[in-house]
């Protein structure tokens, strides 16, 4: 039985129009690095500081922090101009999961500077409808390492990964789910990476979006049946 779902934010639970990767590309290119599409795609879902360090060819901690600060400033402005919204069917899926006693955690490559205002704007908080939120900056390493998922388990009192479902829209989400030993690892097609890119990582399920998640768990989605 699944006791916990650990879900990515941008591109999975939240529709932000791909702003995060557009901004990341701009920041990298403004610092003279190529920022090609294949390079950016490799780092989709990663800790943003780790991504900037790699994309800028390991320029040193001060440069990474300055680039990250610029990333946060630009992304915050984009979100202010075009506010993110829940992916279609996600509020209903959250309601169905909570009604079934399944705990909900969000994991993200953002740090709290981006995550907390974003969730506040959506009206999402720990307690309702979430049980935990974990940022990559709060653990030893971001995806594809399993640390965010394991921290979510600690925060929600789930001890066995056989009772955990992980879902995300990137290759790194799927890899992290497998690394954590999650029983169910779901790739969703609402983000920037394709079915073929995700399928290579052998998720247990590929879904059009999280609106289909209750059917995977045999939980009735409120308002959808």
Protein backbone atom coordinates (compact mmCIF):
# COMPACT_ATOMS: atom_id res chain seq x y z
CA UNK A 1 0.00 0.00 0.00
CA UNK A 2 1.30 3.45 -0.90
CA UNK A 3 1.55 5.71 2.15
CA UNK A 4 3.47 8.62 0.63
CA UNK A 5 3.65 10.31 -2.75
CA UNK A 6 6.75 12.45 -3.36
CA UNK A 7 6.08 14.81 -6.26
CA UNK A 8 8.14 17.33 -8.18
CA UNK A 9 6.88 20.91 -8.44
CA UNK A 10 7.57 22.73 -11.74
CA UNK A 11 6.25 20.79 -14.71
CA UNK A 12 4.65 18.12 -12.53
CA UNK A 13 2.27 19.63 -9.98
CA UNK A 14 2.63 23.25 -11.11
CA UNK A 15 2.26 24.75 -14.58
CA UNK A 16 4.73 27.61 -14.85
CA UNK A 17 5.05 27.62 -18.61
CA UNK A 18 8.63 26.35 -18.69
CA UNK A 19 9.87 29.62 -17.17
CA UNK A 20 12.46 27.91 -14.98
CA UNK A 21 14.44 26.54 -17.92
CA UNK A 22 14.04 29.66 -20.03
CA UNK A 23 15.46 31.73 -17.16
CA UNK A 24 18.22 29.20 -16.47
CA UNK A 25 19.24 29.34 -20.14
CA UNK A 26 19.30 33.14 -20.14
CA UNK A 27 21.42 33.32 -16.98
CA UNK A 28 23.93 30.81 -18.32
CA UNK A 29 24.23 32.48 -21.73
CA UNK A 30 24.57 35.94 -20.18
CA UNK A 31 27.69 34.63 -18.46
CA UNK A 32 29.22 33.49 -21.73
CA UNK A 33 28.47 29.78 -21.58
CA UNK A 34 26.77 28.02 -24.51
CA UNK A 35 23.62 26.97 -22.66
CA UNK A 36 22.60 24.70 -25.51
CA UNK A 37 19.29 22.87 -25.37
CA UNK A 38 20.93 19.43 -24.87
CA UNK A 39 22.98 20.84 -21.97
CA UNK A 40 19.96 22.42 -20.31
CA UNK A 41 17.90 19.25 -20.76
CA UNK A 42 20.58 17.23 -18.97
CA UNK A 43 20.06 19.36 -15.87
CA UNK A 44 16.27 19.49 -15.85
CA UNK A 45 15.07 18.60 -12.36
CA UNK A 46 18.45 19.19 -10.73
CA UNK A 47 19.43 21.43 -7.85
CA UNK A 48 19.75 24.81 -9.54
CA UNK A 49 23.10 25.58 -7.97
CA UNK A 50 24.45 22.23 -9.14
CA UNK A 51 23.07 22.93 -12.61
CA UNK A 52 24.66 26.38 -12.76
CA UNK A 53 28.00 25.04 -11.53
CA UNK A 54 28.06 22.45 -14.29
CA UNK A 55 26.68 24.67 -17.06
CA UNK A 56 29.18 27.43 -16.22
CA UNK A 57 32.02 24.86 -16.14
CA UNK A 58 32.72 24.96 -12.40
CA UNK A 59 33.51 28.69 -12.13
CA UNK A 60 33.90 28.87 -8.35
CA UNK A 61 31.50 29.28 -5.45
CA UNK A 62 31.19 33.10 -5.65
CA UNK A 63 30.23 33.01 -9.34
CA UNK A 64 27.72 30.21 -8.75
CA UNK A 65 26.08 32.13 -5.91
CA UNK A 66 25.89 35.31 -7.98
CA UNK A 67 24.40 33.39 -10.91
CA UNK A 68 21.91 31.69 -8.61
CA UNK A 69 20.87 35.03 -7.10
CA UNK A 70 20.26 36.35 -10.62
CA UNK A 71 18.30 33.21 -11.47
CA UNK A 72 16.06 33.69 -8.42
CA UNK A 73 15.51 37.38 -9.20
CA UNK A 74 14.59 36.75 -12.84
CA UNK A 75 12.41 33.72 -12.10
CA UNK A 76 10.56 35.58 -9.35
CA UNK A 77 9.85 38.39 -11.81
CA UNK A 78 8.59 35.92 -14.42
CA UNK A 79 6.32 34.30 -11.87
CA UNK A 80 5.03 37.71 -10.79
CA UNK A 81 4.21 38.63 -14.39
CA UNK A 82 2.74 35.23 -15.25
CA UNK A 83 1.68 33.47 -12.04
CA UNK A 84 2.03 29.68 -12.02
CA UNK A 85 -1.11 27.61 -11.55
CA UNK A 86 -1.76 24.01 -10.50
CA UNK A 87 -1.56 21.48 -13.30
CA UNK A 88 -4.99 20.38 -14.52
CA UNK A 89 -6.53 17.88 -12.12
CA UNK A 90 -3.85 18.24 -9.44
CA UNK A 91 -6.09 19.83 -6.75
CA UNK A 92 -8.60 17.01 -7.29
CA UNK A 93 -5.83 14.40 -7.13
CA UNK A 94 -4.52 15.94 -3.89
CA UNK A 95 -8.02 15.82 -2.39
CA UNK A 96 -8.44 12.17 -3.37
CA UNK A 97 -5.04 11.21 -1.95
CA UNK A 98 -5.65 12.98 1.34
CA UNK A 99 -9.11 11.41 1.64
CA UNK A 100 -7.47 8.01 1.22
CA UNK A 101 -4.89 8.77 3.93
CA UNK A 102 -1.95 9.06 1.52
CA UNK A 103 0.63 11.64 2.59
CA UNK A 104 1.78 14.22 0.02
CA UNK A 105 5.30 15.65 -0.17
CA UNK A 106 6.73 18.02 -2.73
CA UNK A 107 10.41 17.87 -3.69
CA UNK A 108 12.16 20.48 -5.80
CA UNK A 109 15.45 21.71 -7.20
CA UNK A 110 14.43 25.23 -6.11
CA UNK A 111 15.50 26.61 -2.76
CA UNK A 112 13.16 28.31 -0.29
CA UNK A 113 13.57 31.72 -1.93
CA UNK A 114 11.53 30.45 -4.86
CA UNK A 115 9.57 27.61 -3.29
CA UNK A 116 7.88 29.32 -0.37
CA UNK A 117 6.40 32.30 -2.27
CA UNK A 118 5.34 29.98 -5.09
CA UNK A 119 3.44 27.67 -2.77
CA UNK A 120 1.92 30.61 -0.88
CA UNK A 121 0.61 32.04 -4.15
CA UNK A 122 -0.99 28.67 -4.92
CA UNK A 123 -2.52 28.43 -1.46
CA UNK A 124 -0.58 25.25 -0.71
CA UNK A 125 0.96 24.75 2.72
CA UNK A 126 2.23 21.99 4.96
CA UNK A 127 -0.92 20.85 6.72
CA UNK A 128 -3.24 21.58 3.79
CA UNK A 129 -2.92 20.04 1.28
CA UNK A 130 0.72 19.04 1.83
CA UNK A 131 2.48 16.97 4.48
CA UNK A 132 6.06 18.00 3.67
CA UNK A 133 8.14 20.13 1.29
CA UNK A 134 11.82 19.40 0.67
CA UNK A 135 14.22 21.61 -1.29
CA UNK A 136 17.46 20.36 -2.80
CA UNK A 137 19.42 22.92 -0.77
CA UNK A 138 18.25 21.20 2.44
CA UNK A 139 19.85 17.82 1.73
CA UNK A 140 23.32 16.54 0.85
CA UNK A 141 22.67 16.53 -2.91
CA UNK A 142 19.80 16.99 -5.31
CA UNK A 143 18.49 14.62 -7.95
CA UNK A 144 19.36 12.04 -9.16
CA UNK A 145 20.44 11.27 -5.59
CA UNK A 146 17.55 10.00 -3.44
CA UNK A 147 18.12 12.36 -0.51
CA UNK A 148 15.05 14.57 -1.00
CA UNK A 149 12.77 11.54 -1.15
CA UNK A 150 14.34 10.04 1.96
CA UNK A 151 13.99 13.34 3.79
CA UNK A 152 10.32 13.46 2.78
CA UNK A 153 9.94 9.98 4.24
CA UNK A 154 11.53 11.11 7.51
CA UNK A 155 9.26 14.15 7.73
CA UNK A 156 6.12 12.10 7.13
CA UNK A 157 7.03 9.07 9.24
CA UNK A 158 7.20 6.61 6.34
CA UNK A 159 10.03 4.13 6.83
CA UNK A 160 9.66 1.66 3.96
CA UNK A 161 10.28 2.79 0.35
CA UNK A 162 8.00 -0.05 -0.72
CA UNK A 163 5.20 2.26 0.45
CA UNK A 164 6.39 5.28 -1.55
CA UNK A 165 5.41 6.59 -4.98
CA UNK A 166 7.65 9.15 -6.72
CA UNK A 167 6.50 11.22 -9.69
CA UNK A 168 8.15 13.85 -11.83
CA UNK A 169 8.53 15.18 -15.34
CA UNK A 170 12.29 14.72 -15.80
CA UNK A 171 14.82 11.94 -16.22
CA UNK A 172 16.41 12.97 -12.92
CA UNK A 173 13.08 12.59 -11.10
CA UNK A 174 12.80 9.01 -12.36
CA UNK A 175 16.41 8.21 -11.49
CA UNK A 176 15.96 9.60 -7.99
CA UNK A 177 12.83 7.48 -7.49
CA UNK A 178 14.68 4.33 -8.47
CA UNK A 179 17.67 5.30 -6.31
CA UNK A 180 15.34 5.66 -3.33
CA UNK A 181 13.90 2.20 -3.94
CA UNK A 182 10.38 3.57 -4.37
CA UNK A 183 7.79 0.95 -5.22
CA UNK A 184 6.20 3.14 -7.90
CA UNK A 185 8.17 5.58 -10.06
CA UNK A 186 6.04 7.69 -12.37
CA UNK A 187 7.12 9.84 -15.28
CA UNK A 188 4.62 12.51 -16.28
CA UNK A 189 4.43 14.17 -19.69
CA UNK A 190 3.41 17.66 -18.57
CA UNK A 191 6.96 19.00 -18.45
CA UNK A 192 9.73 19.65 -20.94
CA UNK A 193 11.02 16.11 -21.40
CA UNK A 194 9.48 13.66 -23.84
CA UNK A 195 7.98 10.21 -23.50
CA UNK A 196 11.03 8.71 -25.20
CA UNK A 197 13.45 10.51 -22.87
CA UNK A 198 11.57 9.33 -19.79
CA UNK A 199 10.93 5.79 -21.04
CA UNK A 200 14.67 5.10 -21.29
CA UNK A 201 14.82 5.37 -17.48
CA UNK A 202 12.20 2.62 -17.08
CA UNK A 203 9.61 4.28 -14.84
CA UNK A 204 6.96 1.90 -13.60
CA UNK A 205 4.33 4.19 -15.17
CA UNK A 206 4.21 6.94 -17.77
CA UNK A 207 1.20 9.23 -17.36
CA UNK A 208 -0.18 12.12 -19.36
CA UNK A 209 -0.29 14.05 -16.09
CA UNK A 210 -0.88 13.79 -12.36
CA UNK A 211 -4.62 13.92 -12.93
CA UNK A 212 -4.21 10.20 -13.74
CA UNK A 213 -2.37 9.43 -10.50
CA UNK A 214 -5.43 8.35 -8.45
CA UNK A 215 -6.13 5.62 -11.00
CA UNK A 216 -2.62 4.21 -10.48
CA UNK A 217 -3.34 3.96 -6.76
CA UNK A 218 -6.94 2.87 -7.25
CA UNK A 219 -8.09 6.00 -5.42
CA UNK A 220 -11.23 7.74 -6.59
CA UNK A 221 -10.42 11.21 -7.88
CA UNK A 222 -12.92 13.70 -6.48
CA UNK A 223 -14.92 15.28 -9.29
CA UNK A 224 -13.43 13.08 -12.02
CA UNK A 225 -15.58 9.90 -11.78
